[in-house]
Amino acid sequence: MPYWLNTLIIVLVIYIAISIALYYLQDYMLFKPEKLSKDFEFYYENQDIKEYNLETRDGAVINGLLFKPKGESKGVVLYLKGNSKSIKGWGKFAVDFTRHNYNVLMVDYRGFGKSTGKRSQKAIKRDLQEVYNKIKERTTEDRIILYGRSLGSGFAAKLASMNNPKMLVLDAPYYSLTKVTARYAPFMPLSILLKYPLPTYKWLKYVKCPIHIIHGTNDKLIPYKTSVKLSNISPKLTKLHSVIGGGHKNLNNFESYHKMIHDILNTKLQDIDLSTTSIHVKHSSKPTKTKA
């Protein structure tokens, strides 16, 4: 057998072996769950919480926490977290919304915290729709805000595309998870191998509510340019909020981030009379001659 052919066969075998490994190990690489015992008691200082358990149709249990504001509720923020830990740690961010008198519901995906069940993209989307339906039983959709953080941004976009919430807020979103992982494995057929492609860009096309995108300009994991690209999908519905110098995990440390949240939650959108602006003004370097 020629040397080049022998080398090619070895390379192909290695390539196939890596592809198979990526397919079966991607859950361990994408998700970093923290598991909690069933009797674990959540506690947050100065926060009023209530724990819920939702049993799904396939027998899984989705665990969630409802954080209640001190004043009269303006609505509900369904906060979809990132890919690590559990709502035990993520719960600290609820105060950024309860301080504006919004209820905050956080849930753990399958295999995270107290939640159970076999994890898949289809199963998680189905679980979150069931959670959304439960919220609709208690309030109207014009009082529901979807907030997706990092991994949760894709699921939030999907929910918004299938429902009619008040608004969609995406925090450090990705164009698609396939694009993110391709940066680390550019030569692998990820479009075939990835079980969680999460094509945010496709789902955003069908979102009809206002869209707010928040992204740090110094995000090394998901580049800021990703949000610029996403904001161009539905530009009339979308507003891009840039946290100058912000990274992927530290936006809550920036005062500008909290000002953005304040404006998003409290500022009412108003139509502008474009006829009074310069948008349609035609300028000429030569004066127009008038007829005598």
C-alpha atoms as a PDB file:
ATOM      1  CA  MET A   1       0.000   0.000   0.000  1.00  0.00           C
ATOM      2  CA  PRO A   2       1.419   3.425  -0.962  1.00  0.00           C
ATOM      3  CA  TYR A   3       2.628   5.561   1.918  1.00  0.00           C
ATOM      4  CA  TRP A   4       0.253   8.441   1.053  1.00  0.00           C
ATOM      5  CA  LEU A   5      -2.747   6.113   1.012  1.00  0.00           C
ATOM      6  CA  ASN A   6      -1.782   4.590   4.338  1.00  0.00           C
ATOM      7  CA  THR A   7      -1.443   8.089   5.828  1.00  0.00           C
ATOM      8  CA  LEU A   8      -4.824   9.132   4.407  1.00  0.00           C
ATOM      9  CA  ILE A   9      -6.533   6.103   5.947  1.00  0.00           C
ATOM     10  CA  ILE A  10      -4.995   6.863   9.356  1.00  0.00           C
ATOM     11  CA  VAL A  11      -6.119  10.518   9.142  1.00  0.00           C
ATOM     12  CA  LEU A  12      -9.658   9.459   8.174  1.00  0.00           C
ATOM     13  CA  VAL A  13      -9.846   6.953  11.043  1.00  0.00           C
ATOM     14  CA  ILE A  14      -8.716   9.619  13.520  1.00  0.00           C
ATOM     15  CA  TYR A  15     -11.178  12.139  12.040  1.00  0.00           C
ATOM     16  CA  ILE A  16     -14.082   9.701  12.314  1.00  0.00           C
ATOM     17  CA  ALA A  17     -13.072   8.733  15.864  1.00  0.00           C
ATOM     18  CA  ILE A  18     -13.007  12.405  16.934  1.00  0.00           C
ATOM     19  CA  SER A  19     -16.396  13.002  15.263  1.00  0.00           C
ATOM     20  CA  ILE A  20     -17.951  10.076  17.134  1.00  0.00           C
ATOM     21  CA  ALA A  21     -16.427  11.282  20.409  1.00  0.00           C
ATOM     22  CA  LEU A  22     -17.776  14.812  19.839  1.00  0.00           C
ATOM     23  CA  TYR A  23     -21.250  13.486  19.179  1.00  0.00           C
ATOM     24  CA  TYR A  24     -21.458  11.401  22.347  1.00  0.00           C
ATOM     25  CA  LEU A  25     -19.524  13.742  24.652  1.00  0.00           C
ATOM     26  CA  GLN A  26     -21.034  17.084  23.618  1.00  0.00           C
ATOM     27  CA  ASP A  27     -23.526  17.076  26.513  1.00  0.00           C
ATOM     28  CA  TYR A  28     -20.600  17.001  28.938  1.00  0.00           C
ATOM     29  CA  MET A  29     -18.815  19.772  27.054  1.00  0.00           C
ATOM     30  CA  LEU A  30     -21.818  22.075  26.560  1.00  0.00           C
ATOM     31  CA  PHE A  31     -23.539  21.692  29.922  1.00  0.00           C
ATOM     32  CA  LYS A  32     -21.923  22.232  33.326  1.00  0.00           C
ATOM     33  CA  PRO A  33     -24.781  21.430  35.707  1.00  0.00           C
ATOM     34  CA  GLU A  34     -24.810  21.654  39.469  1.00  0.00           C
ATOM     35  CA  LYS A  35     -27.098  19.018  40.960  1.00  0.00           C
ATOM     36  CA  LEU A  36     -29.028  19.645  44.159  1.00  0.00           C
ATOM     37  CA  SER A  37     -30.683  17.170  46.516  1.00  0.00           C
ATOM     38  CA  LYS A  38     -34.485  17.079  46.629  1.00  0.00           C
ATOM     39  CA  ASP A  39     -34.496  18.434  50.165  1.00  0.00           C
ATOM     40  CA  PHE A  40     -32.162  21.369  49.422  1.00  0.00           C
ATOM     41  CA  GLU A  41     -33.643  24.616  50.747  1.00  0.00           C
ATOM     42  CA  PHE A  42     -33.126  27.797  48.736  1.00  0.00           C
ATOM     43  CA  TYR A  43     -32.396  30.986  50.628  1.00  0.00           C
ATOM     44  CA  TYR A  44     -31.734  34.536  49.441  1.00  0.00           C
ATOM     45  CA  GLU A  45     -31.389  37.419  51.862  1.00  0.00           C
ATOM     46  CA  ASN A  46     -34.160  40.010  51.512  1.00  0.00           C
ATOM     47  CA  GLN A  47     -35.838  38.036  48.732  1.00  0.00           C
ATOM     48  CA  ASP A  48     -39.356  36.590  48.902  1.00  0.00           C
ATOM     49  CA  ILE A  49     -39.335  33.277  47.015  1.00  0.00           C
ATOM     50  CA  LYS A  50     -41.605  30.346  46.281  1.00  0.00           C
ATOM     51  CA  GLU A  51     -40.460  27.000  44.890  1.00  0.00           C
ATOM     52  CA  TYR A  52     -42.351  25.144  42.157  1.00  0.00           C
ATOM     53  CA  ASN A  53     -42.074  21.716  40.556  1.00  0.00           C
ATOM     54  CA  LEU A  54     -43.604  21.050  37.140  1.00  0.00           C
ATOM     55  CA  GLU A  55     -44.056  17.437  36.050  1.00  0.00           C
ATOM     56  CA  THR A  56     -43.769  17.060  32.293  1.00  0.00           C
ATOM     57  CA  ARG A  57     -45.669  14.627  30.114  1.00  0.00           C
ATOM     58  CA  ASP A  58     -42.668  12.274  29.898  1.00  0.00           C
ATOM     59  CA  GLY A  59     -42.320  12.112  33.683  1.00  0.00           C
ATOM     60  CA  ALA A  60     -39.500  14.621  34.160  1.00  0.00           C
ATOM     61  CA  VAL A  61     -39.633  17.276  36.881  1.00  0.00           C
ATOM     62  CA  ILE A  62     -38.684  20.885  36.161  1.00  0.00           C
ATOM     63  CA  ASN A  63     -37.774  22.805  39.288  1.00  0.00           C
ATOM     64  CA  GLY A  64     -38.169  26.563  39.477  1.00  0.00           C
ATOM     65  CA  LEU A  65     -38.154  29.553  41.800  1.00  0.00           C
ATOM     66  CA  LEU A  66     -40.477  32.534  41.774  1.00  0.00           C
ATOM     67  CA  PHE A  67     -38.963  35.721  43.181  1.00  0.00           C
ATOM     68  CA  LYS A  68     -41.617  38.208  44.300  1.00  0.00           C
ATOM     69  CA  PRO A  69     -41.267  42.008  44.347  1.00  0.00           C
ATOM     70  CA  LYS A  70     -42.065  44.077  47.422  1.00  0.00           C
ATOM     71  CA  GLY A  71     -44.449  46.347  45.536  1.00  0.00           C
ATOM     72  CA  GLU A  72     -47.370  45.655  43.223  1.00  0.00           C
ATOM     73  CA  SER A  73     -46.268  43.390  40.385  1.00  0.00           C
ATOM     74  CA  LYS A  74     -45.926  44.865  36.899  1.00  0.00           C
ATOM     75  CA  GLY A  75     -45.552  41.452  35.292  1.00  0.00           C
ATOM     76  CA  VAL A  76     -43.322  38.383  35.109  1.00  0.00           C
ATOM     77  CA  VAL A  77     -39.776  37.972  33.827  1.00  0.00           C
ATOM     78  CA  LEU A  78     -39.081  34.399  32.730  1.00  0.00           C
ATOM     79  CA  TYR A  79     -35.307  34.284  33.178  1.00  0.00           C
ATOM     80  CA  LEU A  80     -33.560  31.542  31.167  1.00  0.00           C
ATOM     81  CA  LYS A  81     -30.072  30.998  32.546  1.00  0.00           C
ATOM     82  CA  GLY A  82     -26.742  29.983  31.048  1.00  0.00           C
ATOM     83  CA  ASN A  83     -25.189  26.538  30.723  1.00  0.00           C
ATOM     84  CA  SER A  84     -23.563  26.243  34.144  1.00  0.00           C
ATOM     85  CA  LYS A  85     -24.481  25.552  37.776  1.00  0.00           C
ATOM     86  CA  SER A  86     -28.101  25.836  38.954  1.00  0.00           C
ATOM     87  CA  ILE A  87     -30.666  28.455  39.899  1.00  0.00           C
ATOM     88  CA  LYS A  88     -29.155  28.353  43.402  1.00  0.00           C
ATOM     89  CA  GLY A  89     -26.386  30.623  42.128  1.00  0.00           C
ATOM     90  CA  TRP A  90     -28.281  32.357  39.333  1.00  0.00           C
ATOM     91  CA  GLY A  91     -30.977  33.493  41.740  1.00  0.00           C
ATOM     92  CA  LYS A  92     -28.840  36.434  42.846  1.00  0.00           C
ATOM     93  CA  PHE A  93     -29.659  38.177  39.548  1.00  0.00           C
ATOM     94  CA  ALA A  94     -33.403  38.211  40.269  1.00  0.00           C
ATOM     95  CA  VAL A  95     -33.014  41.387  42.326  1.00  0.00           C
ATOM     96  CA  ASP A  96     -32.213  43.293  39.116  1.00  0.00           C
ATOM     97  CA  PHE A  97     -35.865  42.801  38.141  1.00  0.00           C
ATOM     98  CA  THR A  98     -37.733  42.544  41.446  1.00  0.00           C
ATOM     99  CA  ARG A  99     -36.412  46.018  42.324  1.00  0.00           C
ATOM    100  CA  HIS A 100     -38.486  47.230  39.366  1.00  0.00           C
ATOM    101  CA  ASN A 101     -41.530  45.382  40.772  1.00  0.00           C
ATOM    102  CA  TYR A 102     -41.431  42.417  38.409  1.00  0.00           C
ATOM    103  CA  ASN A 103     -41.891  38.817  39.472  1.00  0.00           C
ATOM    104  CA  VAL A 104     -38.975  36.677  38.289  1.00  0.00           C
ATOM    105  CA  LEU A 105     -39.326  32.989  37.458  1.00  0.00           C
ATOM    106  CA  MET A 106     -36.123  30.993  37.055  1.00  0.00           C
ATOM    107  CA  VAL A 107     -36.086  27.321  36.116  1.00  0.00           C
ATOM    108  CA  ASP A 108     -33.382  24.702  35.923  1.00  0.00           C
ATOM    109  CA  TYR A 109     -33.033  22.757  32.692  1.00  0.00           C
ATOM    110  CA  ARG A 110     -33.144  18.966  32.815  1.00  0.00           C
ATOM    111  CA  GLY A 111     -30.234  17.589  34.811  1.00  0.00           C
ATOM    112  CA  PHE A 112     -29.588  20.918  36.547  1.00  0.00           C
ATOM    113  CA  GLY A 113     -30.341  21.567  40.216  1.00  0.00           C
ATOM    114  CA  LYS A 114     -33.416  19.564  41.234  1.00  0.00           C
ATOM    115  CA  SER A 115     -34.711  19.147  37.690  1.00  0.00           C
ATOM    116  CA  THR A 116     -34.759  15.633  36.239  1.00  0.00           C
ATOM    117  CA  GLY A 117     -35.226  13.963  32.857  1.00  0.00           C
ATOM    118  CA  LYS A 118     -33.211  13.090  29.783  1.00  0.00           C
ATOM    119  CA  ARG A 119     -31.871  16.238  28.185  1.00  0.00           C
ATOM    120  CA  SER A 120     -32.279  17.146  24.496  1.00  0.00           C
ATOM    121  CA  GLN A 121     -32.935  20.342  22.565  1.00  0.00           C
ATOM    122  CA  LYS A 122     -36.476  19.209  21.765  1.00  0.00           C
ATOM    123  CA  ALA A 123     -37.199  18.253  25.383  1.00  0.00           C
ATOM    124  CA  ILE A 124     -35.918  21.568  26.786  1.00  0.00           C
ATOM    125  CA  LYS A 125     -37.974  23.579  24.267  1.00  0.00           C
ATOM    126  CA  ARG A 126     -41.052  21.548  25.192  1.00  0.00           C
ATOM    127  CA  ASP A 127     -40.405  22.009  28.931  1.00  0.00           C
ATOM    128  CA  LEU A 128     -40.055  25.772  28.597  1.00  0.00           C
ATOM    129  CA  GLN A 129     -43.244  26.024  26.569  1.00  0.00           C
ATOM    130  CA  GLU A 130     -45.058  24.185  29.359  1.00  0.00           C
ATOM    131  CA  VAL A 131     -43.592  26.638  31.881  1.00  0.00           C
ATOM    132  CA  TYR A 132     -44.718  29.541  29.677  1.00  0.00           C
ATOM    133  CA  ASN A 133     -48.216  28.047  29.467  1.00  0.00           C
ATOM    134  CA  LYS A 134     -48.364  27.869  33.269  1.00  0.00           C
ATOM    135  CA  ILE A 135     -47.461  31.560  33.468  1.00  0.00           C
ATOM    136  CA  LYS A 136     -50.246  32.363  30.986  1.00  0.00           C
ATOM    137  CA  GLU A 137     -52.721  30.670  33.309  1.00  0.00           C
ATOM    138  CA  ARG A 138     -51.975  33.358  35.899  1.00  0.00           C
ATOM    139  CA  THR A 139     -51.411  36.471  33.815  1.00  0.00           C
ATOM    140  CA  THR A 140     -51.748  37.853  30.295  1.00  0.00           C
ATOM    141  CA  GLU A 141     -48.965  37.666  27.733  1.00  0.00           C
ATOM    142  CA  ASP A 142     -48.600  41.439  27.571  1.00  0.00           C
ATOM    143  CA  ARG A 143     -47.176  41.161  31.112  1.00  0.00           C
ATOM    144  CA  ILE A 144     -44.605  38.462  30.276  1.00  0.00           C
ATOM    145  CA  ILE A 145     -40.986  39.361  29.520  1.00  0.00           C
ATOM    146  CA  LEU A 146     -38.605  36.704  28.210  1.00  0.00           C
ATOM    147  CA  TYR A 147     -34.989  37.172  29.310  1.00  0.00           C
ATOM    148  CA  GLY A 148     -32.396  34.801  27.861  1.00  0.00           C
ATOM    149  CA  ARG A 149     -28.828  34.801  29.145  1.00  0.00           C
ATOM    150  CA  SER A 150     -26.070  33.193  27.006  1.00  0.00           C
ATOM    151  CA  LEU A 151     -27.274  29.594  26.409  1.00  0.00           C
ATOM    152  CA  GLY A 152     -30.767  30.653  27.458  1.00  0.00           C
ATOM    153  CA  SER A 153     -30.901  33.335  24.757  1.00  0.00           C
ATOM    154  CA  GLY A 154     -31.573  30.745  22.050  1.00  0.00           C
ATOM    155  CA  PHE A 155     -34.378  29.114  24.020  1.00  0.00           C
ATOM    156  CA  ALA A 156     -35.842  32.549  24.823  1.00  0.00           C
ATOM    157  CA  ALA A 157     -35.837  33.462  21.129  1.00  0.00           C
ATOM    158  CA  LYS A 158     -37.606  30.198  20.298  1.00  0.00           C
ATOM    159  CA  LEU A 159     -40.272  30.830  22.963  1.00  0.00           C
ATOM    160  CA  ALA A 160     -40.820  34.378  21.696  1.00  0.00           C
ATOM    161  CA  SER A 161     -41.203  33.107  18.125  1.00  0.00           C
ATOM    162  CA  MET A 162     -43.991  30.735  19.209  1.00  0.00           C
ATOM    163  CA  ASN A 163     -45.813  33.106  21.562  1.00  0.00           C
ATOM    164  CA  ASN A 164     -46.675  36.780  22.029  1.00  0.00           C
ATOM    165  CA  PRO A 165     -44.781  38.105  25.057  1.00  0.00           C
ATOM    166  CA  LYS A 166     -44.448  41.774  25.952  1.00  0.00           C
ATOM    167  CA  MET A 167     -40.789  41.782  24.941  1.00  0.00           C
ATOM    168  CA  LEU A 168     -37.713  39.636  24.414  1.00  0.00           C
ATOM    169  CA  VAL A 169     -34.389  40.500  26.055  1.00  0.00           C
ATOM    170  CA  LEU A 170     -31.266  38.651  24.922  1.00  0.00           C
ATOM    171  CA  ASP A 171     -28.146  38.900  27.075  1.00  0.00           C
ATOM    172  CA  ALA A 172     -24.878  37.906  25.333  1.00  0.00           C
ATOM    173  CA  PRO A 173     -26.694  35.867  22.655  1.00  0.00           C
ATOM    174  CA  TYR A 174     -25.142  33.670  19.976  1.00  0.00           C
ATOM    175  CA  TYR A 175     -26.054  33.585  16.278  1.00  0.00           C
ATOM    176  CA  SER A 176     -26.329  29.820  16.583  1.00  0.00           C
ATOM    177  CA  LEU A 177     -24.587  27.337  18.854  1.00  0.00           C
ATOM    178  CA  THR A 178     -23.160  25.719  15.735  1.00  0.00           C
ATOM    179  CA  LYS A 179     -21.334  28.971  14.962  1.00  0.00           C
ATOM    180  CA  VAL A 180     -19.961  29.220  18.508  1.00  0.00           C
ATOM    181  CA  THR A 181     -18.591  25.678  18.592  1.00  0.00           C
ATOM    182  CA  ALA A 182     -17.199  26.014  15.062  1.00  0.00           C
ATOM    183  CA  ARG A 183     -14.659  28.502  16.432  1.00  0.00           C
ATOM    184  CA  TYR A 184     -13.102  25.694  18.474  1.00  0.00           C
ATOM    185  CA  ALA A 185     -13.515  22.839  15.984  1.00  0.00           C
ATOM    186  CA  PRO A 186     -13.489  24.508  12.527  1.00  0.00           C
ATOM    187  CA  PHE A 187     -12.774  21.307  10.607  1.00  0.00           C
ATOM    188  CA  MET A 188     -15.523  19.172  12.111  1.00  0.00           C
ATOM    189  CA  PRO A 189     -18.965  18.632  10.479  1.00  0.00           C
ATOM    190  CA  LEU A 190     -20.786  20.291  13.379  1.00  0.00           C
ATOM    191  CA  SER A 191     -23.963  20.919  11.408  1.00  0.00           C
ATOM    192  CA  ILE A 192     -24.379  17.135  11.401  1.00  0.00           C
ATOM    193  CA  LEU A 193     -22.866  16.280  14.781  1.00  0.00           C
ATOM    194  CA  LEU A 194     -24.322  18.972  17.024  1.00  0.00           C
ATOM    195  CA  LYS A 195     -27.421  17.887  18.934  1.00  0.00           C
ATOM    196  CA  TYR A 196     -28.014  21.445  20.144  1.00  0.00           C
ATOM    197  CA  PRO A 197     -27.644  23.722  17.088  1.00  0.00           C
ATOM    198  CA  LEU A 198     -29.950  26.366  18.645  1.00  0.00           C
ATOM    199  CA  PRO A 199     -30.291  28.612  15.554  1.00  0.00           C
ATOM    200  CA  THR A 200     -31.213  31.889  17.273  1.00  0.00           C
ATOM    201  CA  TYR A 201     -31.038  33.765  13.960  1.00  0.00           C
ATOM    202  CA  LYS A 202     -33.763  31.584  12.437  1.00  0.00           C
ATOM    203  CA  TRP A 203     -36.148  31.992  15.374  1.00  0.00           C
ATOM    204  CA  LEU A 204     -35.695  35.765  15.598  1.00  0.00           C
ATOM    205  CA  LYS A 205     -37.255  36.101  12.136  1.00  0.00           C
ATOM    206  CA  TYR A 206     -40.615  35.086  13.604  1.00  0.00           C
ATOM    207  CA  VAL A 207     -40.536  37.247  16.761  1.00  0.00           C
ATOM    208  CA  LYS A 208     -43.173  39.993  16.640  1.00  0.00           C
ATOM    209  CA  CYS A 209     -42.543  41.740  19.966  1.00  0.00           C
ATOM    210  CA  PRO A 210     -39.855  44.354  20.776  1.00  0.00           C
ATOM    211  CA  ILE A 211     -36.384  42.813  20.995  1.00  0.00           C
ATOM    212  CA  HIS A 212     -33.603  44.152  23.217  1.00  0.00           C
ATOM    213  CA  ILE A 213     -30.084  42.767  22.806  1.00  0.00           C
ATOM    214  CA  ILE A 214     -27.461  43.413  25.502  1.00  0.00           C
ATOM    215  CA  HIS A 215     -23.823  42.561  24.815  1.00  0.00           C
ATOM    216  CA  GLY A 216     -20.414  43.441  26.207  1.00  0.00           C
ATOM    217  CA  THR A 217     -17.935  44.843  23.695  1.00  0.00           C
ATOM    218  CA  ASN A 218     -15.129  42.773  25.232  1.00  0.00           C
ATOM    219  CA  ASP A 219     -16.921  39.404  25.219  1.00  0.00           C
ATOM    220  CA  LYS A 220     -14.312  36.762  24.339  1.00  0.00           C
ATOM    221  CA  LEU A 221     -16.658  33.748  24.311  1.00  0.00           C
ATOM    222  CA  ILE A 222     -19.433  35.147  22.121  1.00  0.00           C
ATOM    223  CA  PRO A 223     -18.084  38.155  20.165  1.00  0.00           C
ATOM    224  CA  TYR A 224     -19.958  41.463  20.264  1.00  0.00           C
ATOM    225  CA  LYS A 225     -20.269  41.367  16.466  1.00  0.00           C
ATOM    226  CA  THR A 226     -22.669  38.441  16.911  1.00  0.00           C
ATOM    227  CA  SER A 227     -25.267  40.762  18.438  1.00  0.00           C
ATOM    228  CA  VAL A 228     -24.673  43.356  15.743  1.00  0.00           C
ATOM    229  CA  LYS A 229     -25.495  40.662  13.195  1.00  0.00           C
ATOM    230  CA  LEU A 230     -28.565  39.504  15.137  1.00  0.00           C
ATOM    231  CA  SER A 231     -29.846  43.072  15.470  1.00  0.00           C
ATOM    232  CA  ASN A 232     -30.035  43.338  11.690  1.00  0.00           C
ATOM    233  CA  ILE A 233     -32.511  40.454  11.378  1.00  0.00           C
ATOM    234  CA  SER A 234     -35.499  42.539  12.539  1.00  0.00           C
ATOM    235  CA  PRO A 235     -34.053  46.059  12.789  1.00  0.00           C
ATOM    236  CA  LYS A 236     -37.420  47.777  13.255  1.00  0.00           C
ATOM    237  CA  LEU A 237     -38.158  45.677  16.347  1.00  0.00           C
ATOM    238  CA  THR A 238     -34.642  45.488  17.740  1.00  0.00           C
ATOM    239  CA  LYS A 239     -32.524  47.763  19.910  1.00  0.00           C
ATOM    240  CA  LEU A 240     -28.889  46.898  20.588  1.00  0.00           C
ATOM    241  CA  HIS A 241     -27.474  47.897  23.984  1.00  0.00           C
ATOM    242  CA  SER A 242     -23.667  47.939  24.198  1.00  0.00           C
ATOM    243  CA  VAL A 243     -21.900  47.519  27.535  1.00  0.00           C
ATOM    244  CA  ILE A 244     -18.555  49.155  26.806  1.00  0.00           C
ATOM    245  CA  GLY A 245     -15.743  46.954  28.120  1.00  0.00           C
ATOM    246  CA  GLY A 246     -18.126  44.259  29.318  1.00  0.00           C
ATOM    247  CA  GLY A 247     -17.156  40.608  29.051  1.00  0.00           C
ATOM    248  CA  HIS A 248     -19.295  37.488  28.934  1.00  0.00           C
ATOM    249  CA  LYS A 249     -19.868  36.900  32.643  1.00  0.00           C
ATOM    250  CA  ASN A 250     -19.494  40.311  34.273  1.00  0.00           C
ATOM    251  CA  LEU A 251     -22.143  42.605  32.780  1.00  0.00           C
ATOM    252  CA  ASN A 252     -23.885  42.937  36.151  1.00  0.00           C
ATOM    253  CA  ASN A 253     -20.728  44.647  37.452  1.00  0.00           C
ATOM    254  CA  PHE A 254     -21.269  47.592  35.091  1.00  0.00           C
ATOM    255  CA  GLU A 255     -23.445  50.535  36.068  1.00  0.00           C
ATOM    256  CA  SER A 256     -24.378  50.976  32.409  1.00  0.00           C
ATOM    257  CA  TYR A 257     -25.947  47.485  32.367  1.00  0.00           C
ATOM    258  CA  HIS A 258     -28.299  48.363  35.221  1.00  0.00           C
ATOM    259  CA  LYS A 259     -29.242  51.635  33.535  1.00  0.00           C
ATOM    260  CA  MET A 260     -30.093  49.617  30.421  1.00  0.00           C
ATOM    261  CA  ILE A 261     -32.298  47.240  32.424  1.00  0.00           C
ATOM    262  CA  HIS A 262     -34.028  50.241  34.019  1.00  0.00           C
ATOM    263  CA  ASP A 263     -34.725  51.823  30.624  1.00  0.00           C
ATOM    264  CA  ILE A 264     -35.869  48.546  29.059  1.00  0.00           C
ATOM    265  CA  LEU A 265     -38.332  47.809  31.865  1.00  0.00           C
ATOM    266  CA  ASN A 266     -39.622  51.323  32.465  1.00  0.00           C
ATOM    267  CA  THR A 267     -39.454  53.281  29.226  1.00  0.00           C
ATOM    268  CA  LYS A 268     -42.527  53.168  27.009  1.00  0.00           C
ATOM    269  CA  LEU A 269     -41.855  52.989  23.286  1.00  0.00           C
ATOM    270  CA  GLN A 270     -43.165  55.960  21.344  1.00  0.00           C
ATOM    271  CA  ASP A 271     -43.655  56.363  17.638  1.00  0.00           C
ATOM    272  CA  ILE A 272     -41.710  59.196  16.023  1.00  0.00           C
ATOM    273  CA  ASP A 273     -43.218  61.475  13.413  1.00  0.00           C
ATOM    274  CA  LEU A 274     -40.545  61.011  10.754  1.00  0.00           C
ATOM    275  CA  SER A 275     -42.114  63.653   8.535  1.00  0.00           C
ATOM    276  CA  THR A 276     -40.641  66.309  10.842  1.00  0.00           C
ATOM    277  CA  THR A 277     -37.103  64.876  10.708  1.00  0.00           C
ATOM    278  CA  SER A 278     -34.322  65.118   8.149  1.00  0.00           C
ATOM    279  CA  ILE A 279     -34.862  61.559   6.944  1.00  0.00           C
ATOM    280  CA  HIS A 280     -36.656  62.654   3.764  1.00  0.00           C
ATOM    281  CA  VAL A 281     -34.918  65.994   3.252  1.00  0.00           C
ATOM    282  CA  LYS A 282     -33.187  66.264  -0.104  1.00  0.00           C
ATOM    283  CA  HIS A 283     -30.191  68.554  -0.182  1.00  0.00           C
ATOM    284  CA  SER A 284     -28.783  70.193  -3.288  1.00  0.00           C
ATOM    285  CA  SER A 285     -25.534  72.089  -3.730  1.00  0.00           C
ATOM    286  CA  LYS A 286     -27.169  74.342  -6.293  1.00  0.00           C
ATOM    287  CA  PRO A 287     -30.029  76.675  -5.506  1.00  0.00           C
ATOM    288  CA  THR A 288     -33.295  75.925  -7.262  1.00  0.00           C
ATOM    289  CA  LYS A 289     -34.113  78.488  -9.920  1.00  0.00           C
ATOM    290  CA  THR A 290     -37.543  79.984  -9.747  1.00  0.00           C
ATOM    291  CA  LYS A 291     -39.449  80.947 -12.839  1.00  0.00           C
ATOM    292  CA  ALA A 292     -40.389  84.600 -13.232  1.00  0.00           C
END
